[in-house]
Amino acid sequence: ADVAAAGVKWLESARLTDVVLDFSDVSKASSAAISVLFEWLRACHSLGIVVTSIALSAPLERLTSLAELDALIGSPNAEA
């Protein structure tokens, strides 16, 4: 929760127009990492920041596929 909140705070203050979310170094499949990703995606959407791409590690790709979340991650700028 602290990482998600810190990221949202940074997104709010950075005044970005676009961003790349890179989770490729996350070594273990973790629902916490996916929660952080979705919190940041919601923040980007509400702030009008375009998510250029999302990079996931192999373990996170497997987890998102099992949870059937890969379509949401594949279209990060669509409204959830």
N, C-alpha and C. Protein backbone atom coordinates (compact mmCIF):
# COMPACT_ATOMS: atom_id res chain seq x y z
N ALA A 1 0.83 -1.20 0.00
CA ALA A 1 0.00 0.00 0.00
C ALA A 1 0.87 1.26 0.00
N ASP A 2 2.00 1.21 0.72
CA ASP A 2 2.88 2.38 0.77
C ASP A 2 3.51 2.68 -0.59
N VAL A 3 3.90 1.62 -1.30
CA VAL A 3 4.50 1.80 -2.62
C VAL A 3 3.47 2.37 -3.58
N ALA A 4 2.26 1.84 -3.55
CA ALA A 4 1.20 2.34 -4.43
C ALA A 4 0.92 3.81 -4.15
N ALA A 5 0.80 4.17 -2.88
CA ALA A 5 0.51 5.55 -2.51
C ALA A 5 1.65 6.49 -2.91
N ALA A 6 2.88 6.05 -2.70
CA ALA A 6 4.03 6.88 -3.07
C ALA A 6 4.07 7.09 -4.58
N GLY A 7 3.76 6.05 -5.34
CA GLY A 7 3.74 6.17 -6.80
C GLY A 7 2.66 7.12 -7.28
N VAL A 8 1.49 7.03 -6.68
CA VAL A 8 0.39 7.93 -7.05
C VAL A 8 0.77 9.37 -6.72
N LYS A 9 1.35 9.58 -5.56
CA LYS A 9 1.77 10.93 -5.18
C LYS A 9 2.79 11.48 -6.18
N TRP A 10 3.73 10.64 -6.59
CA TRP A 10 4.73 11.06 -7.56
C TRP A 10 4.07 11.38 -8.90
N LEU A 11 3.15 10.52 -9.35
CA LEU A 11 2.45 10.77 -10.61
C LEU A 11 1.70 12.09 -10.57
N GLU A 12 1.09 12.40 -9.44
CA GLU A 12 0.35 13.66 -9.30
C GLU A 12 1.27 14.87 -9.38
N SER A 13 2.48 14.75 -8.87
CA SER A 13 3.38 15.90 -8.82
C SER A 13 4.29 16.02 -10.05
N ALA A 14 4.45 14.94 -10.82
CA ALA A 14 5.43 14.93 -11.90
C ALA A 14 4.98 15.66 -13.16
N ARG A 15 3.70 15.88 -13.32
CA ARG A 15 3.15 16.58 -14.48
C ARG A 15 3.57 15.93 -15.80
N LEU A 16 3.42 14.63 -15.85
CA LEU A 16 3.77 13.87 -17.04
C LEU A 16 2.62 13.83 -18.03
N THR A 17 2.93 13.63 -19.30
CA THR A 17 1.89 13.40 -20.30
C THR A 17 1.83 11.92 -20.67
N ASP A 18 2.95 11.22 -20.49
CA ASP A 18 2.98 9.79 -20.76
C ASP A 18 3.99 9.12 -19.83
N VAL A 19 3.83 7.80 -19.68
CA VAL A 19 4.67 7.05 -18.76
C VAL A 19 4.77 5.60 -19.23
N VAL A 20 5.88 4.96 -18.90
CA VAL A 20 6.07 3.53 -19.10
C VAL A 20 6.11 2.90 -17.71
N LEU A 21 5.31 1.87 -17.49
CA LEU A 21 5.31 1.17 -16.21
C LEU A 21 6.11 -0.12 -16.38
N ASP A 22 7.24 -0.21 -15.70
CA ASP A 22 8.16 -1.32 -15.89
C ASP A 22 8.24 -2.18 -14.62
N PHE A 23 7.64 -3.35 -14.70
CA PHE A 23 7.64 -4.32 -13.60
C PHE A 23 8.47 -5.54 -14.00
N SER A 24 9.37 -5.37 -14.96
CA SER A 24 10.12 -6.51 -15.49
C SER A 24 11.13 -7.09 -14.51
N ASP A 25 11.50 -6.36 -13.48
CA ASP A 25 12.46 -6.88 -12.50
C ASP A 25 11.79 -7.54 -11.29
N VAL A 26 10.46 -7.63 -11.29
CA VAL A 26 9.77 -8.29 -10.18
C VAL A 26 9.97 -9.79 -10.35
N SER A 27 10.68 -10.41 -9.41
CA SER A 27 11.11 -11.80 -9.59
C SER A 27 10.07 -12.84 -9.18
N LYS A 28 9.08 -12.46 -8.39
CA LYS A 28 8.07 -13.42 -7.93
C LYS A 28 6.69 -12.93 -8.33
N ALA A 29 5.83 -13.86 -8.71
CA ALA A 29 4.44 -13.52 -8.99
C ALA A 29 3.81 -13.05 -7.68
N SER A 30 3.22 -11.89 -7.72
CA SER A 30 2.68 -11.30 -6.51
C SER A 30 1.42 -10.51 -6.80
N SER A 31 0.36 -10.83 -6.07
CA SER A 31 -0.86 -10.06 -6.23
C SER A 31 -0.65 -8.62 -5.75
N ALA A 32 0.30 -8.43 -4.83
CA ALA A 32 0.60 -7.07 -4.36
C ALA A 32 1.17 -6.23 -5.50
N ALA A 33 2.05 -6.80 -6.31
CA ALA A 33 2.62 -6.07 -7.45
C ALA A 33 1.53 -5.73 -8.45
N ILE A 34 0.61 -6.65 -8.69
CA ILE A 34 -0.50 -6.39 -9.61
C ILE A 34 -1.41 -5.30 -9.06
N SER A 35 -1.63 -5.31 -7.75
CA SER A 35 -2.45 -4.26 -7.12
C SER A 35 -1.80 -2.89 -7.30
N VAL A 36 -0.49 -2.82 -7.11
CA VAL A 36 0.24 -1.56 -7.31
C VAL A 36 0.09 -1.11 -8.76
N LEU A 37 0.27 -2.03 -9.69
CA LEU A 37 0.14 -1.70 -11.10
C LEU A 37 -1.24 -1.11 -11.40
N PHE A 38 -2.29 -1.75 -10.92
CA PHE A 38 -3.64 -1.24 -11.21
C PHE A 38 -3.93 0.07 -10.51
N GLU A 39 -3.37 0.27 -9.33
CA GLU A 39 -3.53 1.57 -8.66
C GLU A 39 -2.87 2.67 -9.49
N TRP A 40 -1.68 2.40 -10.00
CA TRP A 40 -0.98 3.38 -10.84
C TRP A 40 -1.71 3.60 -12.15
N LEU A 41 -2.29 2.54 -12.72
CA LEU A 41 -3.08 2.69 -13.95
C LEU A 41 -4.30 3.58 -13.71
N ARG A 42 -4.99 3.38 -12.59
CA ARG A 42 -6.14 4.23 -12.25
C ARG A 42 -5.71 5.68 -12.08
N ALA A 43 -4.58 5.88 -11.41
CA ALA A 43 -4.08 7.24 -11.22
C ALA A 43 -3.74 7.88 -12.56
N CYS A 44 -3.07 7.15 -13.43
CA CYS A 44 -2.73 7.69 -14.75
C CYS A 44 -3.99 8.06 -15.51
N HIS A 45 -4.98 7.20 -15.46
CA HIS A 45 -6.23 7.48 -16.17
C HIS A 45 -6.89 8.75 -15.62
N SER A 46 -6.96 8.88 -14.31
CA SER A 46 -7.62 10.05 -13.73
C SER A 46 -6.82 11.33 -13.95
N LEU A 47 -5.51 11.21 -14.11
CA LEU A 47 -4.66 12.39 -14.33
C LEU A 47 -4.44 12.70 -15.81
N GLY A 48 -4.98 11.87 -16.68
CA GLY A 48 -4.81 12.09 -18.11
C GLY A 48 -3.43 11.73 -18.62
N ILE A 49 -2.75 10.84 -17.93
CA ILE A 49 -1.41 10.40 -18.34
C ILE A 49 -1.57 9.16 -19.21
N VAL A 50 -0.98 9.19 -20.40
CA VAL A 50 -1.03 8.05 -21.30
C VAL A 50 0.03 7.03 -20.88
N VAL A 51 -0.39 5.79 -20.72
CA VAL A 51 0.54 4.70 -20.41
C VAL A 51 1.04 4.15 -21.74
N THR A 52 2.28 4.46 -22.07
CA THR A 52 2.86 4.07 -23.35
C THR A 52 3.02 2.57 -23.44
N SER A 53 3.51 1.95 -22.37
CA SER A 53 3.64 0.50 -22.33
C SER A 53 3.76 0.02 -20.90
N ILE A 54 3.51 -1.27 -20.74
CA ILE A 54 3.66 -1.94 -19.45
C ILE A 54 4.56 -3.15 -19.68
N ALA A 55 5.64 -3.21 -18.93
CA ALA A 55 6.55 -4.36 -19.02
C ALA A 55 6.39 -5.19 -17.76
N LEU A 56 6.15 -6.48 -17.94
CA LEU A 56 6.00 -7.40 -16.82
C LEU A 56 7.07 -8.47 -16.88
N SER A 57 7.48 -8.95 -15.72
CA SER A 57 8.38 -10.10 -15.66
C SER A 57 7.59 -11.35 -16.05
N ALA A 58 8.28 -12.42 -16.36
CA ALA A 58 7.61 -13.68 -16.72
C ALA A 58 6.67 -14.17 -15.62
N PRO A 59 7.09 -14.13 -14.33
CA PRO A 59 6.15 -14.56 -13.28
C PRO A 59 4.88 -13.70 -13.21
N LEU A 60 5.02 -12.39 -13.41
CA LEU A 60 3.84 -11.53 -13.39
C LEU A 60 2.97 -11.75 -14.62
N GLU A 61 3.59 -12.03 -15.76
CA GLU A 61 2.81 -12.33 -16.97
C GLU A 61 1.96 -13.59 -16.75
N ARG A 62 2.56 -14.61 -16.13
CA ARG A 62 1.81 -15.84 -15.85
C ARG A 62 0.65 -15.56 -14.91
N LEU A 63 0.90 -14.79 -13.87
CA LEU A 63 -0.15 -14.46 -12.90
C LEU A 63 -1.29 -13.68 -13.55
N THR A 64 -0.96 -12.68 -14.34
CA THR A 64 -2.02 -11.89 -14.98
C THR A 64 -2.80 -12.73 -15.98
N SER A 65 -2.13 -13.67 -16.63
CA SER A 65 -2.83 -14.55 -17.56
C SER A 65 -3.78 -15.48 -16.81
N LEU A 66 -3.31 -16.07 -15.71
CA LEU A 66 -4.16 -16.95 -14.91
C LEU A 66 -5.37 -16.21 -14.34
N ALA A 67 -5.16 -14.96 -13.97
CA ALA A 67 -6.24 -14.15 -13.40
C ALA A 67 -7.09 -13.48 -14.49
N GLU A 68 -6.74 -13.76 -15.76
CA GLU A 68 -7.44 -13.19 -16.91
C GLU A 68 -7.44 -11.66 -16.89
N LEU A 69 -6.30 -11.10 -16.49
CA LEU A 69 -6.11 -9.65 -16.45
C LEU A 69 -5.27 -9.16 -17.61
N ASP A 70 -4.76 -10.07 -18.43
CA ASP A 70 -3.85 -9.67 -19.49
C ASP A 70 -4.49 -8.73 -20.51
N ALA A 71 -5.80 -8.84 -20.75
CA ALA A 71 -6.46 -7.92 -21.68
C ALA A 71 -6.45 -6.49 -21.14
N LEU A 72 -6.66 -6.34 -19.85
CA LEU A 72 -6.61 -5.00 -19.24
C LEU A 72 -5.22 -4.41 -19.31
N ILE A 73 -4.23 -5.22 -19.11
CA ILE A 73 -2.84 -4.74 -19.14
C ILE A 73 -2.42 -4.47 -20.58
N GLY A 74 -2.96 -5.25 -21.51
CA GLY A 74 -2.63 -5.05 -22.92
C GLY A 74 -3.22 -3.79 -23.50
N SER A 75 -4.26 -3.25 -22.86
CA SER A 75 -4.90 -2.00 -23.28
C SER A 75 -4.94 -1.04 -22.10
N PRO A 76 -3.78 -0.54 -21.69
CA PRO A 76 -3.71 0.21 -20.42
C PRO A 76 -4.45 1.53 -20.41
N ASN A 77 -4.79 2.08 -21.57
CA ASN A 77 -5.46 3.38 -21.60
C ASN A 77 -6.97 3.26 -21.74
N ALA A 78 -7.48 2.05 -21.79
CA ALA A 78 -8.91 1.85 -21.85
C ALA A 78 -9.50 2.01 -20.45
N GLU A 79 -10.74 2.47 -20.41
CA GLU A 79 -11.39 2.61 -19.09
C GLU A 79 -11.73 1.24 -18.56
N ALA A 80 -11.43 1.05 -17.29
CA ALA A 80 -11.72 -0.25 -16.64
C ALA A 80 -13.16 -0.29 -16.19
